[in-house]
Amino acid sequence: MRTARRLRAVDVAATAGISTQQVRNYVADGVLPPVERTPSGYRIFTEAHVRALAVARRMAEGHGWARTREVMTAVHRGDLPAALAALDGGHAELDRERAEIRRVLGAFETVVSAPAVAAPRDGARIGGVARRVGVRTSQLRLWEERGLLRPVRDRATGYRVYDAAELRAAQVVALLRRGAYPFDIISAVLDELRTTGSAVRVRAELARREQDLHRRSLRRLRATAALHDYLRERGEAGPV
């Protein structure tokens, strides 16, 4: 039986361009497998540590270092269910993000298809806004309490005054509530509109985010595939 080639911490570090202290930290954290020691106390590294380091770095590209530490530590302590649960959580995060982007895009389709209501030059009072967007004044107050609407107050009377932007915001909230969109999606739509200023530009920005999500998803997939190969090499991948 061939004896595994012994390596030093500096040899392992050189394969990834990191410091020997980082290698020691990875061993202490469980990112790399445990090391044996010589009778004189020196750490003994092998090609298994080089391989684990390569997998960890690929994992970090797709999952980030926090989840990589969680997964690799679970693998090296023999807790495969915990490692798989952490991986599933990472992929589920992307799925939720993708679903939210699609829901917000759908909400914008609703907003873009509806013509904006006209606003008086000096702004509108709450009763006029309610009539224009087809809701009760109590609903407008509720939406204001939730931070969705931001009317100013007339200094002389204290009445709420809605300018053209806030009247449009009220219309957006009313449209999306009729479409059964939850408040978190409506808040995201309004935040985007206030930041970007145009529903068309917002749709383009969300499409860009969706493409970025595709790229992140592929990186995560490659990282998970690398971990599967590592588990197979260790005899822990189970039947195919």
C-alpha atoms as a PDB file:
ATOM      1  CA  MET A   1       0.000   0.000   0.000  1.00  0.00           C
ATOM      2  CA  ARG A   2       1.472   3.353  -1.037  1.00  0.00           C
ATOM      3  CA  THR A   3       2.039   5.853   1.781  1.00  0.00           C
ATOM      4  CA  ALA A   4       0.503   9.292   1.234  1.00  0.00           C
ATOM      5  CA  ARG A   5       3.069  11.923   0.336  1.00  0.00           C
ATOM      6  CA  ARG A   6       3.747  14.204   3.261  1.00  0.00           C
ATOM      7  CA  LEU A   7       3.393  17.928   2.764  1.00  0.00           C
ATOM      8  CA  ARG A   8       4.029  20.977   4.899  1.00  0.00           C
ATOM      9  CA  ALA A   9       1.580  23.781   5.589  1.00  0.00           C
ATOM     10  CA  VAL A  10       3.591  26.003   3.274  1.00  0.00           C
ATOM     11  CA  ASP A  11       3.170  23.462   0.470  1.00  0.00           C
ATOM     12  CA  VAL A  12      -0.608  23.428   0.885  1.00  0.00           C
ATOM     13  CA  ALA A  13      -0.738  27.219   1.123  1.00  0.00           C
ATOM     14  CA  ALA A  14       1.250  27.595  -2.096  1.00  0.00           C
ATOM     15  CA  THR A  15      -1.380  25.709  -4.094  1.00  0.00           C
ATOM     16  CA  ALA A  16      -3.933  28.442  -3.381  1.00  0.00           C
ATOM     17  CA  GLY A  17      -1.729  31.483  -2.882  1.00  0.00           C
ATOM     18  CA  ILE A  18      -2.663  31.920   0.765  1.00  0.00           C
ATOM     19  CA  SER A  19      -0.671  32.112   3.987  1.00  0.00           C
ATOM     20  CA  THR A  20       0.327  29.158   6.122  1.00  0.00           C
ATOM     21  CA  GLN A  21      -1.631  30.728   8.967  1.00  0.00           C
ATOM     22  CA  GLN A  22      -4.789  30.587   6.846  1.00  0.00           C
ATOM     23  CA  VAL A  23      -4.150  26.891   6.251  1.00  0.00           C
ATOM     24  CA  ARG A  24      -3.804  26.331  10.006  1.00  0.00           C
ATOM     25  CA  ASN A  25      -6.994  28.316  10.602  1.00  0.00           C
ATOM     26  CA  TYR A  26      -8.868  26.212   8.058  1.00  0.00           C
ATOM     27  CA  VAL A  27      -7.756  23.058   9.860  1.00  0.00           C
ATOM     28  CA  ALA A  28      -8.815  24.500  13.211  1.00  0.00           C
ATOM     29  CA  ASP A  29     -12.216  25.518  11.772  1.00  0.00           C
ATOM     30  CA  GLY A  30     -12.802  22.149  10.120  1.00  0.00           C
ATOM     31  CA  VAL A  31     -12.710  23.512   6.577  1.00  0.00           C
ATOM     32  CA  LEU A  32      -9.792  21.129   5.985  1.00  0.00           C
ATOM     33  CA  PRO A  33      -9.592  17.583   7.361  1.00  0.00           C
ATOM     34  CA  PRO A  34      -7.825  16.984  10.677  1.00  0.00           C
ATOM     35  CA  VAL A  35      -4.050  16.614  10.507  1.00  0.00           C
ATOM     36  CA  GLU A  36      -1.807  14.104  12.135  1.00  0.00           C
ATOM     37  CA  ARG A  37       1.432  15.135  13.814  1.00  0.00           C
ATOM     38  CA  THR A  38       4.932  13.772  13.861  1.00  0.00           C
ATOM     39  CA  PRO A  39       6.393  12.578  17.174  1.00  0.00           C
ATOM     40  CA  SER A  40       8.049  15.978  17.432  1.00  0.00           C
ATOM     41  CA  GLY A  41       4.717  17.771  16.989  1.00  0.00           C
ATOM     42  CA  TYR A  42       4.891  18.950  13.367  1.00  0.00           C
ATOM     43  CA  ARG A  43       1.652  18.860  11.381  1.00  0.00           C
ATOM     44  CA  ILE A  44       1.478  16.330   8.569  1.00  0.00           C
ATOM     45  CA  PHE A  45      -0.435  17.472   5.499  1.00  0.00           C
ATOM     46  CA  THR A  46      -1.241  15.335   2.460  1.00  0.00           C
ATOM     47  CA  GLU A  47      -2.768  15.679  -0.986  1.00  0.00           C
ATOM     48  CA  ALA A  48      -6.155  15.238   0.719  1.00  0.00           C
ATOM     49  CA  HIS A  49      -5.700  18.663   2.302  1.00  0.00           C
ATOM     50  CA  VAL A  50      -4.756  20.183  -1.044  1.00  0.00           C
ATOM     51  CA  ARG A  51      -7.885  18.683  -2.579  1.00  0.00           C
ATOM     52  CA  ALA A  52     -10.106  19.886   0.279  1.00  0.00           C
ATOM     53  CA  LEU A  53      -8.690  23.387  -0.029  1.00  0.00           C
ATOM     54  CA  ALA A  54      -9.432  23.475  -3.766  1.00  0.00           C
ATOM     55  CA  VAL A  55     -13.004  22.330  -3.130  1.00  0.00           C
ATOM     56  CA  ALA A  56     -13.473  24.879  -0.342  1.00  0.00           C
ATOM     57  CA  ARG A  57     -12.360  27.707  -2.602  1.00  0.00           C
ATOM     58  CA  ARG A  58     -14.705  26.581  -5.365  1.00  0.00           C
ATOM     59  CA  MET A  59     -17.486  26.307  -2.803  1.00  0.00           C
ATOM     60  CA  ALA A  60     -16.787  29.843  -1.611  1.00  0.00           C
ATOM     61  CA  GLU A  61     -17.137  31.154  -5.176  1.00  0.00           C
ATOM     62  CA  GLY A  62     -20.676  29.825  -5.338  1.00  0.00           C
ATOM     63  CA  HIS A  63     -21.907  29.757  -1.762  1.00  0.00           C
ATOM     64  CA  GLY A  64     -19.775  32.301   0.088  1.00  0.00           C
ATOM     65  CA  TRP A  65     -17.363  31.567   2.902  1.00  0.00           C
ATOM     66  CA  ALA A  66     -19.912  31.426   5.707  1.00  0.00           C
ATOM     67  CA  ARG A  67     -21.858  28.564   4.142  1.00  0.00           C
ATOM     68  CA  THR A  68     -18.648  26.944   2.883  1.00  0.00           C
ATOM     69  CA  ARG A  69     -17.330  26.732   6.450  1.00  0.00           C
ATOM     70  CA  GLU A  70     -20.627  25.276   7.612  1.00  0.00           C
ATOM     71  CA  VAL A  71     -20.695  22.636   4.862  1.00  0.00           C
ATOM     72  CA  MET A  72     -17.030  21.631   4.926  1.00  0.00           C
ATOM     73  CA  THR A  73     -16.960  21.460   8.710  1.00  0.00           C
ATOM     74  CA  ALA A  74     -20.007  19.192   8.680  1.00  0.00           C
ATOM     75  CA  VAL A  75     -18.395  16.958   6.042  1.00  0.00           C
ATOM     76  CA  HIS A  76     -15.148  16.616   7.965  1.00  0.00           C
ATOM     77  CA  ARG A  77     -16.883  15.781  11.223  1.00  0.00           C
ATOM     78  CA  GLY A  78     -18.897  13.096   9.415  1.00  0.00           C
ATOM     79  CA  ASP A  79     -22.266  14.860   9.569  1.00  0.00           C
ATOM     80  CA  LEU A  80     -23.399  14.566   5.949  1.00  0.00           C
ATOM     81  CA  PRO A  81     -27.084  15.398   6.675  1.00  0.00           C
ATOM     82  CA  ALA A  82     -26.038  18.762   8.143  1.00  0.00           C
ATOM     83  CA  ALA A  83     -23.857  19.490   5.114  1.00  0.00           C
ATOM     84  CA  LEU A  84     -26.697  18.666   2.710  1.00  0.00           C
ATOM     85  CA  ALA A  85     -29.171  20.760   4.702  1.00  0.00           C
ATOM     86  CA  ALA A  86     -26.850  23.765   4.473  1.00  0.00           C
ATOM     87  CA  LEU A  87     -26.483  23.259   0.723  1.00  0.00           C
ATOM     88  CA  ASP A  88     -30.235  22.987   0.262  1.00  0.00           C
ATOM     89  CA  GLY A  89     -30.655  26.223   2.181  1.00  0.00           C
ATOM     90  CA  GLY A  90     -28.289  28.001  -0.201  1.00  0.00           C
ATOM     91  CA  HIS A  91     -30.115  26.849  -3.313  1.00  0.00           C
ATOM     92  CA  ALA A  92     -33.469  27.672  -1.711  1.00  0.00           C
ATOM     93  CA  GLU A  93     -32.311  31.260  -1.128  1.00  0.00           C
ATOM     94  CA  LEU A  94     -31.756  31.702  -4.847  1.00  0.00           C
ATOM     95  CA  ASP A  95     -35.146  30.181  -5.588  1.00  0.00           C
ATOM     96  CA  ARG A  96     -36.851  32.665  -3.263  1.00  0.00           C
ATOM     97  CA  GLU A  97     -34.918  35.554  -4.786  1.00  0.00           C
ATOM     98  CA  ARG A  98     -35.855  34.431  -8.285  1.00  0.00           C
ATOM     99  CA  ALA A  99     -39.530  34.149  -7.313  1.00  0.00           C
ATOM    100  CA  GLU A 100     -39.511  37.631  -5.794  1.00  0.00           C
ATOM    101  CA  ILE A 101     -37.958  39.164  -8.916  1.00  0.00           C
ATOM    102  CA  ARG A 102     -40.624  37.532 -11.054  1.00  0.00           C
ATOM    103  CA  ARG A 103     -43.397  38.739  -8.751  1.00  0.00           C
ATOM    104  CA  VAL A 104     -42.056  42.293  -8.787  1.00  0.00           C
ATOM    105  CA  LEU A 105     -41.742  42.158 -12.575  1.00  0.00           C
ATOM    106  CA  GLY A 106     -45.333  41.001 -12.767  1.00  0.00           C
ATOM    107  CA  ALA A 107     -46.360  43.851 -10.513  1.00  0.00           C
ATOM    108  CA  PHE A 108     -44.649  46.339 -12.792  1.00  0.00           C
ATOM    109  CA  GLU A 109     -46.517  44.956 -15.779  1.00  0.00           C
ATOM    110  CA  THR A 110     -49.690  45.857 -13.915  1.00  0.00           C
ATOM    111  CA  VAL A 111     -48.374  49.340 -13.109  1.00  0.00           C
ATOM    112  CA  VAL A 112     -47.077  50.124 -16.617  1.00  0.00           C
ATOM    113  CA  SER A 113     -50.333  49.085 -18.263  1.00  0.00           C
ATOM    114  CA  ALA A 114     -52.347  51.601 -16.216  1.00  0.00           C
ATOM    115  CA  PRO A 115     -52.234  55.286 -17.240  1.00  0.00           C
ATOM    116  CA  ALA A 116     -51.294  57.679 -14.455  1.00  0.00           C
ATOM    117  CA  VAL A 117     -54.078  59.768 -12.949  1.00  0.00           C
ATOM    118  CA  ALA A 118     -53.779  63.542 -13.316  1.00  0.00           C
ATOM    119  CA  ALA A 119     -52.782  65.533 -10.256  1.00  0.00           C
ATOM    120  CA  PRO A 120     -53.835  69.133  -9.484  1.00  0.00           C
ATOM    121  CA  ARG A 121     -51.002  71.638  -9.846  1.00  0.00           C
ATOM    122  CA  ASP A 122     -51.046  72.517  -6.134  1.00  0.00           C
ATOM    123  CA  GLY A 123     -51.455  68.898  -5.010  1.00  0.00           C
ATOM    124  CA  ALA A 124     -54.463  66.885  -3.915  1.00  0.00           C
ATOM    125  CA  ARG A 125     -56.084  66.360  -0.516  1.00  0.00           C
ATOM    126  CA  ILE A 126     -56.751  62.892   0.844  1.00  0.00           C
ATOM    127  CA  GLY A 127     -60.408  62.872  -0.200  1.00  0.00           C
ATOM    128  CA  GLY A 128     -59.564  63.758  -3.784  1.00  0.00           C
ATOM    129  CA  VAL A 129     -56.850  61.107  -3.908  1.00  0.00           C
ATOM    130  CA  ALA A 130     -59.254  58.480  -2.579  1.00  0.00           C
ATOM    131  CA  ARG A 131     -61.759  59.329  -5.324  1.00  0.00           C
ATOM    132  CA  ARG A 132     -59.123  59.297  -8.053  1.00  0.00           C
ATOM    133  CA  VAL A 133     -57.683  55.892  -7.171  1.00  0.00           C
ATOM    134  CA  GLY A 134     -60.958  54.315  -6.026  1.00  0.00           C
ATOM    135  CA  VAL A 135     -60.287  53.558  -2.367  1.00  0.00           C
ATOM    136  CA  ARG A 136     -61.450  54.829   1.020  1.00  0.00           C
ATOM    137  CA  THR A 137     -59.500  57.522   2.863  1.00  0.00           C
ATOM    138  CA  SER A 138     -58.976  55.043   5.709  1.00  0.00           C
ATOM    139  CA  GLN A 139     -57.007  52.833   3.321  1.00  0.00           C
ATOM    140  CA  LEU A 140     -54.782  55.735   2.330  1.00  0.00           C
ATOM    141  CA  ARG A 141     -54.088  56.425   6.010  1.00  0.00           C
ATOM    142  CA  LEU A 142     -53.272  52.760   6.570  1.00  0.00           C
ATOM    143  CA  TRP A 143     -50.857  52.740   3.637  1.00  0.00           C
ATOM    144  CA  GLU A 144     -49.234  55.870   5.010  1.00  0.00           C
ATOM    145  CA  GLU A 145     -48.815  54.176   8.407  1.00  0.00           C
ATOM    146  CA  ARG A 146     -47.082  51.304   6.634  1.00  0.00           C
ATOM    147  CA  GLY A 147     -44.684  53.750   5.015  1.00  0.00           C
ATOM    148  CA  LEU A 148     -45.991  53.211   1.494  1.00  0.00           C
ATOM    149  CA  LEU A 149     -47.258  56.765   1.046  1.00  0.00           C
ATOM    150  CA  ARG A 150     -45.467  59.956   2.066  1.00  0.00           C
ATOM    151  CA  PRO A 151     -47.806  62.952   1.713  1.00  0.00           C
ATOM    152  CA  VAL A 152     -46.611  66.281   3.092  1.00  0.00           C
ATOM    153  CA  ARG A 153     -48.633  68.418   5.494  1.00  0.00           C
ATOM    154  CA  ASP A 154     -49.976  71.844   4.665  1.00  0.00           C
ATOM    155  CA  ARG A 155     -48.311  74.191   7.131  1.00  0.00           C
ATOM    156  CA  ALA A 156     -51.392  76.330   7.562  1.00  0.00           C
ATOM    157  CA  THR A 157     -54.059  73.636   7.928  1.00  0.00           C
ATOM    158  CA  GLY A 158     -52.146  70.453   8.733  1.00  0.00           C
ATOM    159  CA  TYR A 159     -54.008  68.618   5.978  1.00  0.00           C
ATOM    160  CA  ARG A 160     -52.259  65.974   3.926  1.00  0.00           C
ATOM    161  CA  VAL A 161     -51.181  67.104   0.461  1.00  0.00           C
ATOM    162  CA  TYR A 162     -50.321  64.598  -2.268  1.00  0.00           C
ATOM    163  CA  ASP A 163     -48.120  65.816  -5.109  1.00  0.00           C
ATOM    164  CA  ALA A 164     -48.033  64.072  -8.504  1.00  0.00           C
ATOM    165  CA  ALA A 165     -45.476  61.483  -7.332  1.00  0.00           C
ATOM    166  CA  GLU A 166     -47.467  60.543  -4.211  1.00  0.00           C
ATOM    167  CA  LEU A 167     -50.708  60.436  -6.164  1.00  0.00           C
ATOM    168  CA  ARG A 168     -49.015  57.989  -8.545  1.00  0.00           C
ATOM    169  CA  ALA A 169     -47.760  55.998  -5.552  1.00  0.00           C
ATOM    170  CA  ALA A 170     -51.304  55.789  -4.198  1.00  0.00           C
ATOM    171  CA  GLN A 171     -52.509  54.573  -7.582  1.00  0.00           C
ATOM    172  CA  VAL A 172     -49.735  51.937  -7.669  1.00  0.00           C
ATOM    173  CA  VAL A 173     -50.647  50.641  -4.217  1.00  0.00           C
ATOM    174  CA  ALA A 174     -54.330  50.492  -5.138  1.00  0.00           C
ATOM    175  CA  LEU A 175     -53.625  48.646  -8.388  1.00  0.00           C
ATOM    176  CA  LEU A 176     -51.387  46.075  -6.759  1.00  0.00           C
ATOM    177  CA  ARG A 177     -53.660  45.492  -3.784  1.00  0.00           C
ATOM    178  CA  ARG A 178     -56.483  44.746  -6.211  1.00  0.00           C
ATOM    179  CA  GLY A 179     -54.131  42.235  -7.793  1.00  0.00           C
ATOM    180  CA  ALA A 180     -53.622  40.615  -4.351  1.00  0.00           C
ATOM    181  CA  TYR A 181     -49.931  41.533  -4.188  1.00  0.00           C
ATOM    182  CA  PRO A 182     -48.585  41.474  -0.611  1.00  0.00           C
ATOM    183  CA  PHE A 183     -47.292  44.628   1.027  1.00  0.00           C
ATOM    184  CA  ASP A 184     -43.633  43.571   0.845  1.00  0.00           C
ATOM    185  CA  ILE A 185     -43.821  43.355  -2.964  1.00  0.00           C
ATOM    186  CA  ILE A 186     -45.670  46.675  -3.153  1.00  0.00           C
ATOM    187  CA  SER A 187     -43.027  48.282  -0.967  1.00  0.00           C
ATOM    188  CA  ALA A 188     -40.296  46.922  -3.262  1.00  0.00           C
ATOM    189  CA  VAL A 189     -42.089  48.323  -6.316  1.00  0.00           C
ATOM    190  CA  LEU A 190     -42.449  51.770  -4.747  1.00  0.00           C
ATOM    191  CA  ASP A 191     -38.830  51.805  -3.574  1.00  0.00           C
ATOM    192  CA  GLU A 192     -37.689  51.006  -7.095  1.00  0.00           C
ATOM    193  CA  LEU A 193     -39.927  53.673  -8.607  1.00  0.00           C
ATOM    194  CA  ARG A 194     -38.723  56.312  -6.169  1.00  0.00           C
ATOM    195  CA  THR A 195     -35.096  55.380  -6.780  1.00  0.00           C
ATOM    196  CA  THR A 196     -35.152  54.858 -10.538  1.00  0.00           C
ATOM    197  CA  GLY A 197     -37.992  57.198 -11.433  1.00  0.00           C
ATOM    198  CA  SER A 198     -39.384  55.205 -14.357  1.00  0.00           C
ATOM    199  CA  ALA A 199     -41.273  51.925 -14.480  1.00  0.00           C
ATOM    200  CA  VAL A 200     -39.609  51.110 -17.811  1.00  0.00           C
ATOM    201  CA  ARG A 201     -36.154  51.644 -16.320  1.00  0.00           C
ATOM    202  CA  VAL A 202     -37.134  49.609 -13.282  1.00  0.00           C
ATOM    203  CA  ARG A 203     -38.133  46.685 -15.488  1.00  0.00           C
ATOM    204  CA  ALA A 204     -34.748  46.886 -17.218  1.00  0.00           C
ATOM    205  CA  GLU A 205     -32.972  46.928 -13.855  1.00  0.00           C
ATOM    206  CA  LEU A 206     -34.943  43.923 -12.617  1.00  0.00           C
ATOM    207  CA  ALA A 207     -34.139  42.049 -15.833  1.00  0.00           C
ATOM    208  CA  ARG A 208     -30.459  42.807 -15.213  1.00  0.00           C
ATOM    209  CA  ARG A 209     -30.771  41.444 -11.675  1.00  0.00           C
ATOM    210  CA  GLU A 210     -32.416  38.317 -13.030  1.00  0.00           C
ATOM    211  CA  GLN A 211     -29.456  37.739 -15.379  1.00  0.00           C
ATOM    212  CA  ASP A 212     -27.066  38.259 -12.471  1.00  0.00           C
ATOM    213  CA  LEU A 213     -29.075  35.707 -10.511  1.00  0.00           C
ATOM    214  CA  HIS A 214     -28.665  33.211 -13.379  1.00  0.00           C
ATOM    215  CA  ARG A 215     -24.887  33.654 -13.197  1.00  0.00           C
ATOM    216  CA  ARG A 216     -24.848  33.236  -9.426  1.00  0.00           C
ATOM    217  CA  SER A 217     -27.003  30.132  -9.738  1.00  0.00           C
ATOM    218  CA  LEU A 218     -24.549  28.573 -12.199  1.00  0.00           C
ATOM    219  CA  ARG A 219     -21.616  29.348  -9.897  1.00  0.00           C
ATOM    220  CA  ARG A 220     -23.481  27.732  -7.026  1.00  0.00           C
ATOM    221  CA  LEU A 221     -24.262  24.704  -9.170  1.00  0.00           C
ATOM    222  CA  ARG A 222     -20.587  24.288 -10.101  1.00  0.00           C
ATOM    223  CA  ALA A 223     -19.621  24.616  -6.454  1.00  0.00           C
ATOM    224  CA  THR A 224     -22.110  21.950  -5.390  1.00  0.00           C
ATOM    225  CA  ALA A 225     -20.884  19.648  -8.169  1.00  0.00           C
ATOM    226  CA  ALA A 226     -17.321  20.067  -6.922  1.00  0.00           C
ATOM    227  CA  LEU A 227     -18.434  19.101  -3.430  1.00  0.00           C
ATOM    228  CA  HIS A 228     -20.209  16.027  -4.796  1.00  0.00           C
ATOM    229  CA  ASP A 229     -16.995  14.905  -6.496  1.00  0.00           C
ATOM    230  CA  TYR A 230     -15.152  15.429  -3.211  1.00  0.00           C
ATOM    231  CA  LEU A 231     -17.694  13.369  -1.295  1.00  0.00           C
ATOM    232  CA  ARG A 232     -17.451  10.600  -3.886  1.00  0.00           C
ATOM    233  CA  GLU A 233     -13.670  10.549  -3.548  1.00  0.00           C
ATOM    234  CA  ARG A 234     -14.113  10.199   0.216  1.00  0.00           C
ATOM    235  CA  GLY A 235     -16.652   7.404  -0.287  1.00  0.00           C
ATOM    236  CA  GLU A 236     -19.483   9.476   1.222  1.00  0.00           C
ATOM    237  CA  ALA A 237     -21.594  10.299  -1.846  1.00  0.00           C
ATOM    238  CA  GLY A 238     -23.763   7.199  -1.536  1.00  0.00           C
ATOM    239  CA  PRO A 239     -25.331   5.308  -4.436  1.00  0.00           C
ATOM    240  CA  VAL A 240     -25.920   7.232  -7.659  1.00  0.00           C
END
